Amino acid sequence: MIAAGADLKIYVATRPIDFRCGHDGLAAKVQEMLRLDPFSGSAFVFRSKRADRIKILIWDRTGLVLVHKRREGCKFFGQRSRTE
């Protein structure tokens, strides 16, 4: 279970990533691109190029958790879809 407490740090990558990356690929990106520890308990948010999908990587003290969310008809991060 991921418990979001007051001390949870959330990092959002500003550039889109290759969405074929899984747990290990995203952990490597956290280390290489962000220069942070993927096992720190912080949440790392990545977006797709079209901004209609995000992946969240977090260490829950037992393993890496990867959450994948796809939005239909709208975008993440305040970007408008082409239908608006």
PDB file of N, CA and C in Angstrom:
ATOM      1  N   MET A   1       0.834  -1.171   0.000  1.00  0.00           N
ATOM      2  CA  MET A   1       0.000   0.000   0.000  1.00  0.00           C
ATOM      3  C   MET A   1       0.885   1.243   0.000  1.00  0.00           C
ATOM      4  N   ILE A   2       0.531   2.206  -0.805  1.00  0.00           N
ATOM      5  CA  ILE A   2       1.257   3.474  -0.854  1.00  0.00           C
ATOM      6  C   ILE A   2       0.485   4.479  -0.025  1.00  0.00           C
ATOM      7  N   ALA A   3       1.107   4.922   1.054  1.00  0.00           N
ATOM      8  CA  ALA A   3       0.464   5.902   1.917  1.00  0.00           C
ATOM      9  C   ALA A   3       1.095   7.255   1.660  1.00  0.00           C
ATOM     10  N   ALA A   4       0.308   8.175   1.153  1.00  0.00           N
ATOM     11  CA  ALA A   4       0.801   9.522   0.860  1.00  0.00           C
ATOM     12  C   ALA A   4       0.740  10.350   2.131  1.00  0.00           C
ATOM     13  N   GLY A   5       1.896  10.548   2.739  1.00  0.00           N
ATOM     14  CA  GLY A   5       1.973  11.355   3.946  1.00  0.00           C
ATOM     15  C   GLY A   5       2.465  12.750   3.622  1.00  0.00           C
ATOM     16  N   ALA A   6       2.584  13.553   4.640  1.00  0.00           N
ATOM     17  CA  ALA A   6       3.044  14.927   4.461  1.00  0.00           C
ATOM     18  C   ALA A   6       4.484  14.984   3.982  1.00  0.00           C
ATOM     19  N   ASP A   7       5.255  13.928   4.240  1.00  0.00           N
ATOM     20  CA  ASP A   7       6.663  13.931   3.854  1.00  0.00           C
ATOM     21  C   ASP A   7       6.915  13.287   2.490  1.00  0.00           C
ATOM     22  N   LEU A   8       5.882  12.906   1.756  1.00  0.00           N
ATOM     23  CA  LEU A   8       6.047  12.315   0.429  1.00  0.00           C
ATOM     24  C   LEU A   8       6.506  13.379  -0.556  1.00  0.00           C
ATOM     25  N   LYS A   9       7.634  13.111  -1.218  1.00  0.00           N
ATOM     26  CA  LYS A   9       8.129  14.024  -2.245  1.00  0.00           C
ATOM     27  C   LYS A   9       7.717  13.494  -3.604  1.00  0.00           C
ATOM     28  N   ILE A  10       7.237  14.381  -4.449  1.00  0.00           N
ATOM     29  CA  ILE A  10       6.796  14.014  -5.790  1.00  0.00           C
ATOM     30  C   ILE A  10       7.627  14.809  -6.788  1.00  0.00           C
ATOM     31  N   TYR A  11       8.269  14.072  -7.701  1.00  0.00           N
ATOM     32  CA  TYR A  11       9.082  14.690  -8.747  1.00  0.00           C
ATOM     33  C   TYR A  11       8.413  14.430 -10.085  1.00  0.00           C
ATOM     34  N   VAL A  12       8.269  15.477 -10.883  1.00  0.00           N
ATOM     35  CA  VAL A  12       7.629  15.370 -12.187  1.00  0.00           C
ATOM     36  C   VAL A  12       8.676  15.665 -13.259  1.00  0.00           C
ATOM     37  N   ALA A  13       8.905  14.697 -14.137  1.00  0.00           N
ATOM     38  CA  ALA A  13       9.835  14.897 -15.245  1.00  0.00           C
ATOM     39  C   ALA A  13       9.210  15.876 -16.235  1.00  0.00           C
ATOM     40  N   THR A  14       9.984  16.837 -16.682  1.00  0.00           N
ATOM     41  CA  THR A  14       9.441  17.870 -17.555  1.00  0.00           C
ATOM     42  C   THR A  14       9.447  17.478 -19.025  1.00  0.00           C
ATOM     43  N   ARG A  15      10.219  16.474 -19.377  1.00  0.00           N
ATOM     44  CA  ARG A  15      10.275  16.010 -20.766  1.00  0.00           C
ATOM     45  C   ARG A  15       9.608  14.652 -20.882  1.00  0.00           C
ATOM     46  N   PRO A  16       8.955  14.384 -22.011  1.00  0.00           N
ATOM     47  CA  PRO A  16       8.326  13.071 -22.198  1.00  0.00           C
ATOM     48  C   PRO A  16       9.384  11.975 -22.310  1.00  0.00           C
ATOM     49  N   ILE A  17       8.960  10.748 -21.984  1.00  0.00           N
ATOM     50  CA  ILE A  17       9.859   9.597 -22.045  1.00  0.00           C
ATOM     51  C   ILE A  17       9.314   8.550 -23.010  1.00  0.00           C
ATOM     52  N   ASP A  18      10.152   7.595 -23.354  1.00  0.00           N
ATOM     53  CA  ASP A  18       9.752   6.435 -24.137  1.00  0.00           C
ATOM     54  C   ASP A  18       8.881   5.559 -23.245  1.00  0.00           C
ATOM     55  N   PHE A  19       7.637   5.391 -23.599  1.00  0.00           N
ATOM     56  CA  PHE A  19       6.691   4.694 -22.731  1.00  0.00           C
ATOM     57  C   PHE A  19       6.824   3.177 -22.772  1.00  0.00           C
ATOM     58  N   ARG A  20       7.811   2.659 -23.469  1.00  0.00           N
ATOM     59  CA  ARG A  20       8.083   1.224 -23.425  1.00  0.00           C
ATOM     60  C   ARG A  20       8.867   0.853 -22.178  1.00  0.00           C
ATOM     61  N   CYS A  21       9.363   1.846 -21.447  1.00  0.00           N
ATOM     62  CA  CYS A  21      10.140   1.594 -20.231  1.00  0.00           C
ATOM     63  C   CYS A  21       9.264   0.988 -19.150  1.00  0.00           C
ATOM     64  N   GLY A  22       9.831   0.023 -18.458  1.00  0.00           N
ATOM     65  CA  GLY A  22       9.160  -0.592 -17.315  1.00  0.00           C
ATOM     66  C   GLY A  22       9.815  -0.141 -16.021  1.00  0.00           C
ATOM     67  N   HIS A  23       9.662  -0.962 -14.983  1.00  0.00           N
ATOM     68  CA  HIS A  23      10.204  -0.638 -13.663  1.00  0.00           C
ATOM     69  C   HIS A  23      11.698  -0.295 -13.715  1.00  0.00           C
ATOM     70  N   ASP A  24      12.480  -1.203 -14.283  1.00  0.00           N
ATOM     71  CA  ASP A  24      13.936  -1.021 -14.290  1.00  0.00           C
ATOM     72  C   ASP A  24      14.363   0.149 -15.164  1.00  0.00           C
ATOM     73  N   GLY A  25      13.731   0.307 -16.316  1.00  0.00           N
ATOM     74  CA  GLY A  25      14.069   1.416 -17.206  1.00  0.00           C
ATOM     75  C   GLY A  25      13.766   2.766 -16.582  1.00  0.00           C
ATOM     76  N   LEU A  26      12.641   2.865 -15.900  1.00  0.00           N
ATOM     77  CA  LEU A  26      12.291   4.133 -15.252  1.00  0.00           C
ATOM     78  C   LEU A  26      13.194   4.409 -14.053  1.00  0.00           C
ATOM     79  N   ALA A  27      13.548   3.349 -13.312  1.00  0.00           N
ATOM     80  CA  ALA A  27      14.483   3.536 -12.189  1.00  0.00           C
ATOM     81  C   ALA A  27      15.824   4.048 -12.701  1.00  0.00           C
ATOM     82  N   ALA A  28      16.265   3.542 -13.843  1.00  0.00           N
ATOM     83  CA  ALA A  28      17.516   4.013 -14.446  1.00  0.00           C
ATOM     84  C   ALA A  28      17.391   5.476 -14.868  1.00  0.00           C
ATOM     85  N   LYS A  29      16.238   5.866 -15.407  1.00  0.00           N
ATOM     86  CA  LYS A  29      16.025   7.265 -15.805  1.00  0.00           C
ATOM     87  C   LYS A  29      16.043   8.188 -14.586  1.00  0.00           C
ATOM     88  N   VAL A  30      15.477   7.731 -13.476  1.00  0.00           N
ATOM     89  CA  VAL A  30      15.507   8.532 -12.248  1.00  0.00           C
ATOM     90  C   VAL A  30      16.957   8.786 -11.835  1.00  0.00           C
ATOM     91  N   GLN A  31      17.782   7.745 -11.897  1.00  0.00           N
ATOM     92  CA  GLN A  31      19.184   7.884 -11.505  1.00  0.00           C
ATOM     93  C   GLN A  31      19.968   8.739 -12.491  1.00  0.00           C
ATOM     94  N   GLU A  32      19.791   8.503 -13.781  1.00  0.00           N
ATOM     95  CA  GLU A  32      20.588   9.177 -14.797  1.00  0.00           C
ATOM     96  C   GLU A  32      20.115  10.601 -15.081  1.00  0.00           C
ATOM     97  N   MET A  33      18.833  10.775 -15.315  1.00  0.00           N
ATOM     98  CA  MET A  33      18.302  12.074 -15.726  1.00  0.00           C
ATOM     99  C   MET A  33      18.075  13.016 -14.543  1.00  0.00           C
ATOM    100  N   LEU A  34      17.492  12.483 -13.482  1.00  0.00           N
ATOM    101  CA  LEU A  34      17.129  13.327 -12.345  1.00  0.00           C
ATOM    102  C   LEU A  34      18.193  13.341 -11.254  1.00  0.00           C
ATOM    103  N   ARG A  35      19.161  12.406 -11.333  1.00  0.00           N
ATOM    104  CA  ARG A  35      20.218  12.275 -10.325  1.00  0.00           C
ATOM    105  C   ARG A  35      19.641  12.081  -8.922  1.00  0.00           C
ATOM    106  N   LEU A  36      18.606  11.243  -8.844  1.00  0.00           N
ATOM    107  CA  LEU A  36      17.948  10.947  -7.576  1.00  0.00           C
ATOM    108  C   LEU A  36      17.929   9.439  -7.356  1.00  0.00           C
ATOM    109  N   ASP A  37      17.612   9.029  -6.137  1.00  0.00           N
ATOM    110  CA  ASP A  37      17.546   7.618  -5.769  1.00  0.00           C
ATOM    111  C   ASP A  37      16.121   7.096  -5.964  1.00  0.00           C
ATOM    112  N   PRO A  38      15.901   6.152  -6.891  1.00  0.00           N
ATOM    113  CA  PRO A  38      14.546   5.643  -7.107  1.00  0.00           C
ATOM    114  C   PRO A  38      14.003   4.825  -5.929  1.00  0.00           C
ATOM    115  N   PHE A  39      14.875   4.471  -4.988  1.00  0.00           N
ATOM    116  CA  PHE A  39      14.472   3.678  -3.827  1.00  0.00           C
ATOM    117  C   PHE A  39      14.313   4.531  -2.572  1.00  0.00           C
ATOM    118  N   SER A  40      14.136   5.829  -2.753  1.00  0.00           N
ATOM    119  CA  SER A  40      14.032   6.759  -1.626  1.00  0.00           C
ATOM    120  C   SER A  40      12.626   6.834  -1.035  1.00  0.00           C
ATOM    121  N   GLY A  41      11.644   6.313  -1.752  1.00  0.00           N
ATOM    122  CA  GLY A  41      10.258   6.435  -1.293  1.00  0.00           C
ATOM    123  C   GLY A  41       9.530   7.604  -1.925  1.00  0.00           C
ATOM    124  N   SER A  42      10.241   8.392  -2.706  1.00  0.00           N
ATOM    125  CA  SER A  42       9.604   9.497  -3.426  1.00  0.00           C
ATOM    126  C   SER A  42       8.843   8.954  -4.624  1.00  0.00           C
ATOM    127  N   ALA A  43       7.890   9.729  -5.109  1.00  0.00           N
ATOM    128  CA  ALA A  43       7.128   9.354  -6.303  1.00  0.00           C
ATOM    129  C   ALA A  43       7.706  10.104  -7.497  1.00  0.00           C
ATOM    130  N   PHE A  44       7.888   9.391  -8.608  1.00  0.00           N
ATOM    131  CA  PHE A  44       8.442   9.966  -9.824  1.00  0.00           C
ATOM    132  C   PHE A  44       7.402   9.841 -10.932  1.00  0.00           C
ATOM    133  N   VAL A  45       7.010  10.966 -11.504  1.00  0.00           N
ATOM    134  CA  VAL A  45       5.946  11.009 -12.502  1.00  0.00           C
ATOM    135  C   VAL A  45       6.556  11.303 -13.868  1.00  0.00           C
ATOM    136  N   PHE A  46       6.204  10.463 -14.845  1.00  0.00           N
ATOM    137  CA  PHE A  46       6.676  10.613 -16.217  1.00  0.00           C
ATOM    138  C   PHE A  46       5.469  10.684 -17.135  1.00  0.00           C
ATOM    139  N   ARG A  47       5.590  11.445 -18.238  1.00  0.00           N
ATOM    140  CA  ARG A  47       4.476  11.540 -19.179  1.00  0.00           C
ATOM    141  C   ARG A  47       4.897  11.069 -20.554  1.00  0.00           C
ATOM    142  N   SER A  48       3.898  10.708 -21.339  1.00  0.00           N
ATOM    143  CA  SER A  48       4.133  10.310 -22.727  1.00  0.00           C
ATOM    144  C   SER A  48       4.248  11.553 -23.602  1.00  0.00           C
ATOM    145  N   LYS A  49       4.694  11.362 -24.823  1.00  0.00           N
ATOM    146  CA  LYS A  49       4.857  12.480 -25.751  1.00  0.00           C
ATOM    147  C   LYS A  49       3.532  13.182 -26.030  1.00  0.00           C
ATOM    148  N   ARG A  50       2.450  12.404 -26.166  1.00  0.00           N
ATOM    149  CA  ARG A  50       1.134  12.999 -26.436  1.00  0.00           C
ATOM    150  C   ARG A  50       0.471  13.552 -25.191  1.00  0.00           C
ATOM    151  N   ALA A  51       1.082  13.329 -24.037  1.00  0.00           N
ATOM    152  CA  ALA A  51       0.578  13.817 -22.739  1.00  0.00           C
ATOM    153  C   ALA A  51      -0.776  13.236 -22.360  1.00  0.00           C
ATOM    154  N   ASP A  52      -1.157  12.103 -22.963  1.00  0.00           N
ATOM    155  CA  ASP A  52      -2.415  11.462 -22.581  1.00  0.00           C
ATOM    156  C   ASP A  52      -2.195  10.298 -21.611  1.00  0.00           C
ATOM    157  N   ARG A  53      -0.920  10.011 -21.295  1.00  0.00           N
ATOM    158  CA  ARG A  53      -0.584   8.924 -20.379  1.00  0.00           C
ATOM    159  C   ARG A  53       0.515   9.367 -19.420  1.00  0.00           C
ATOM    160  N   ILE A  54       0.439   8.847 -18.202  1.00  0.00           N
ATOM    161  CA  ILE A  54       1.512   9.060 -17.241  1.00  0.00           C
ATOM    162  C   ILE A  54       1.880   7.726 -16.613  1.00  0.00           C
ATOM    163  N   LYS A  55       3.108   7.657 -16.129  1.00  0.00           N
ATOM    164  CA  LYS A  55       3.571   6.529 -15.324  1.00  0.00           C
ATOM    165  C   LYS A  55       4.149   7.116 -14.049  1.00  0.00           C
ATOM    166  N   ILE A  56       3.812   6.482 -12.937  1.00  0.00           N
ATOM    167  CA  ILE A  56       4.313   6.896 -11.638  1.00  0.00           C
ATOM    168  C   ILE A  56       5.104   5.741 -11.054  1.00  0.00           C
ATOM    169  N   LEU A  57       6.336   6.001 -10.676  1.00  0.00           N
ATOM    170  CA  LEU A  57       7.209   4.990 -10.086  1.00  0.00           C
ATOM    171  C   LEU A  57       7.454   5.349  -8.629  1.00  0.00           C
ATOM    172  N   ILE A  58       7.277   4.376  -7.753  1.00  0.00           N
ATOM    173  CA  ILE A  58       7.497   4.611  -6.328  1.00  0.00           C
ATOM    174  C   ILE A  58       7.986   3.330  -5.663  1.00  0.00           C
ATOM    175  N   TRP A  59       8.874   3.468  -4.704  1.00  0.00           N
ATOM    176  CA  TRP A  59       9.380   2.357  -3.904  1.00  0.00           C
ATOM    177  C   TRP A  59       8.537   2.288  -2.637  1.00  0.00           C
ATOM    178  N   ASP A  60       7.902   1.141  -2.376  1.00  0.00           N
ATOM    179  CA  ASP A  60       7.025   1.030  -1.203  1.00  0.00           C
ATOM    180  C   ASP A  60       7.647   0.214  -0.065  1.00  0.00           C
ATOM    181  N   ARG A  61       8.951   0.091  -0.047  1.00  0.00           N
ATOM    182  CA  ARG A  61       9.747  -0.650   0.939  1.00  0.00           C
ATOM    183  C   ARG A  61       9.729  -2.147   0.718  1.00  0.00           C
ATOM    184  N   THR A  62       8.946  -2.641  -0.244  1.00  0.00           N
ATOM    185  CA  THR A  62       8.974  -4.069  -0.579  1.00  0.00           C
ATOM    186  C   THR A  62       9.314  -4.283  -2.046  1.00  0.00           C
ATOM    187  N   GLY A  63       9.218  -3.239  -2.846  1.00  0.00           N
ATOM    188  CA  GLY A  63       9.505  -3.334  -4.272  1.00  0.00           C
ATOM    189  C   GLY A  63       9.076  -2.070  -4.987  1.00  0.00           C
ATOM    190  N   LEU A  64       9.419  -2.010  -6.262  1.00  0.00           N
ATOM    191  CA  LEU A  64       9.018  -0.864  -7.073  1.00  0.00           C
ATOM    192  C   LEU A  64       7.574  -1.041  -7.536  1.00  0.00           C
ATOM    193  N   VAL A  65       6.794   0.002  -7.408  1.00  0.00           N
ATOM    194  CA  VAL A  65       5.403   0.010  -7.849  1.00  0.00           C
ATOM    195  C   VAL A  65       5.326   0.928  -9.068  1.00  0.00           C
ATOM    196  N   LEU A  66       4.684   0.440 -10.129  1.00  0.00           N
ATOM    197  CA  LEU A  66       4.517   1.238 -11.337  1.00  0.00           C
ATOM    198  C   LEU A  66       3.033   1.400 -11.622  1.00  0.00           C
ATOM    199  N   VAL A  67       2.583   2.647 -11.631  1.00  0.00           N
ATOM    200  CA  VAL A  67       1.189   2.970 -11.926  1.00  0.00           C
ATOM    201  C   VAL A  67       1.163   3.587 -13.311  1.00  0.00           C
ATOM    202  N   HIS A  68       0.257   3.090 -14.161  1.00  0.00           N
ATOM    203  CA  HIS A  68       0.124   3.588 -15.530  1.00  0.00           C
ATOM    204  C   HIS A  68      -1.311   4.069 -15.702  1.00  0.00           C
ATOM    205  N   LYS A  69      -1.467   5.317 -16.100  1.00  0.00           N
ATOM    206  CA  LYS A  69      -2.802   5.901 -16.277  1.00  0.00           C
ATOM    207  C   LYS A  69      -2.913   6.483 -17.677  1.00  0.00           C
ATOM    208  N   ARG A  70      -4.010   6.150 -18.377  1.00  0.00           N
ATOM    209  CA  ARG A  70      -4.286   6.721 -19.700  1.00  0.00           C
ATOM    210  C   ARG A  70      -5.597   7.478 -19.623  1.00  0.00           C
ATOM    211  N   ARG A  71      -5.599   8.705 -20.117  1.00  0.00           N
ATOM    212  CA  ARG A  71      -6.809   9.519 -20.126  1.00  0.00           C
ATOM    213  C   ARG A  71      -7.429   9.468 -21.504  1.00  0.00           C
ATOM    214  N   GLU A  72      -8.716   9.426 -21.549  1.00  0.00           N
ATOM    215  CA  GLU A  72      -9.456   9.400 -22.807  1.00  0.00           C
ATOM    216  C   GLU A  72     -10.038  10.778 -23.073  1.00  0.00           C
ATOM    217  N   GLY A  73      -9.686  11.369 -24.206  1.00  0.00           N
ATOM    218  CA  GLY A  73     -10.273  12.634 -24.621  1.00  0.00           C
ATOM    219  C   GLY A  73      -9.701  13.879 -23.984  1.00  0.00           C
ATOM    220  N   CYS A  74      -8.701  13.735 -23.123  1.00  0.00           N
ATOM    221  CA  CYS A  74      -8.068  14.920 -22.541  1.00  0.00           C
ATOM    222  C   CYS A  74      -6.624  14.588 -22.194  1.00  0.00           C
ATOM    223  N   LYS A  75      -5.900  15.591 -21.760  1.00  0.00           N
ATOM    224  CA  LYS A  75      -4.469  15.462 -21.520  1.00  0.00           C
ATOM    225  C   LYS A  75      -4.139  15.725 -20.058  1.00  0.00           C
ATOM    226  N   PHE A  76      -2.957  15.280 -19.657  1.00  0.00           N
ATOM    227  CA  PHE A  76      -2.416  15.625 -18.353  1.00  0.00           C
ATOM    228  C   PHE A  76      -1.662  16.937 -18.465  1.00  0.00           C
ATOM    229  N   PHE A  77      -1.373  17.557 -17.354  1.00  0.00           N
ATOM    230  CA  PHE A  77      -0.512  18.734 -17.280  1.00  0.00           C
ATOM    231  C   PHE A  77      -1.085  19.938 -18.008  1.00  0.00           C
ATOM    232  N   GLY A  78      -2.385  20.093 -18.019  1.00  0.00           N
ATOM    233  CA  GLY A  78      -3.015  21.301 -18.514  1.00  0.00           C
ATOM    234  C   GLY A  78      -3.009  21.470 -20.023  1.00  0.00           C
ATOM    235  N   GLN A  79      -2.595  20.468 -20.759  1.00  0.00           N
ATOM    236  CA  GLN A  79      -2.628  20.586 -22.196  1.00  0.00           C
ATOM    237  C   GLN A  79      -3.994  20.194 -22.716  1.00  0.00           C
ATOM    238  N   ARG A  80      -4.462  20.907 -23.689  1.00  0.00           N
ATOM    239  CA  ARG A  80      -5.789  20.629 -24.239  1.00  0.00           C
ATOM    240  C   ARG A  80      -5.704  19.594 -25.348  1.00  0.00           C
ATOM    241  N   SER A  81      -6.756  18.812 -25.466  1.00  0.00           N
ATOM    242  CA  SER A  81      -6.800  17.841 -26.561  1.00  0.00           C
ATOM    243  C   SER A  81      -7.202  18.546 -27.844  1.00  0.00           C
ATOM    244  N   ARG A  82      -7.060  17.885 -28.953  1.00  0.00           N
ATOM    245  CA  ARG A  82      -7.391  18.480 -30.242  1.00  0.00           C
ATOM    246  C   ARG A  82      -8.893  18.680 -30.434  1.00  0.00           C
ATOM    247  N   THR A  83      -9.704  17.995 -29.641  1.00  0.00           N
ATOM    248  CA  THR A  83     -11.159  18.107 -29.785  1.00  0.00           C
ATOM    249  C   THR A  83     -11.719  19.298 -29.035  1.00  0.00           C
ATOM    250  N   GLU A  84     -10.918  19.954 -28.191  1.00  0.00           N
ATOM    251  CA  GLU A  84     -11.419  21.104 -27.415  1.00  0.00           C
ATOM    252  C   GLU A  84     -11.347  22.378 -28.201  1.00  0.00           C
TER     253      GLU A  84
END
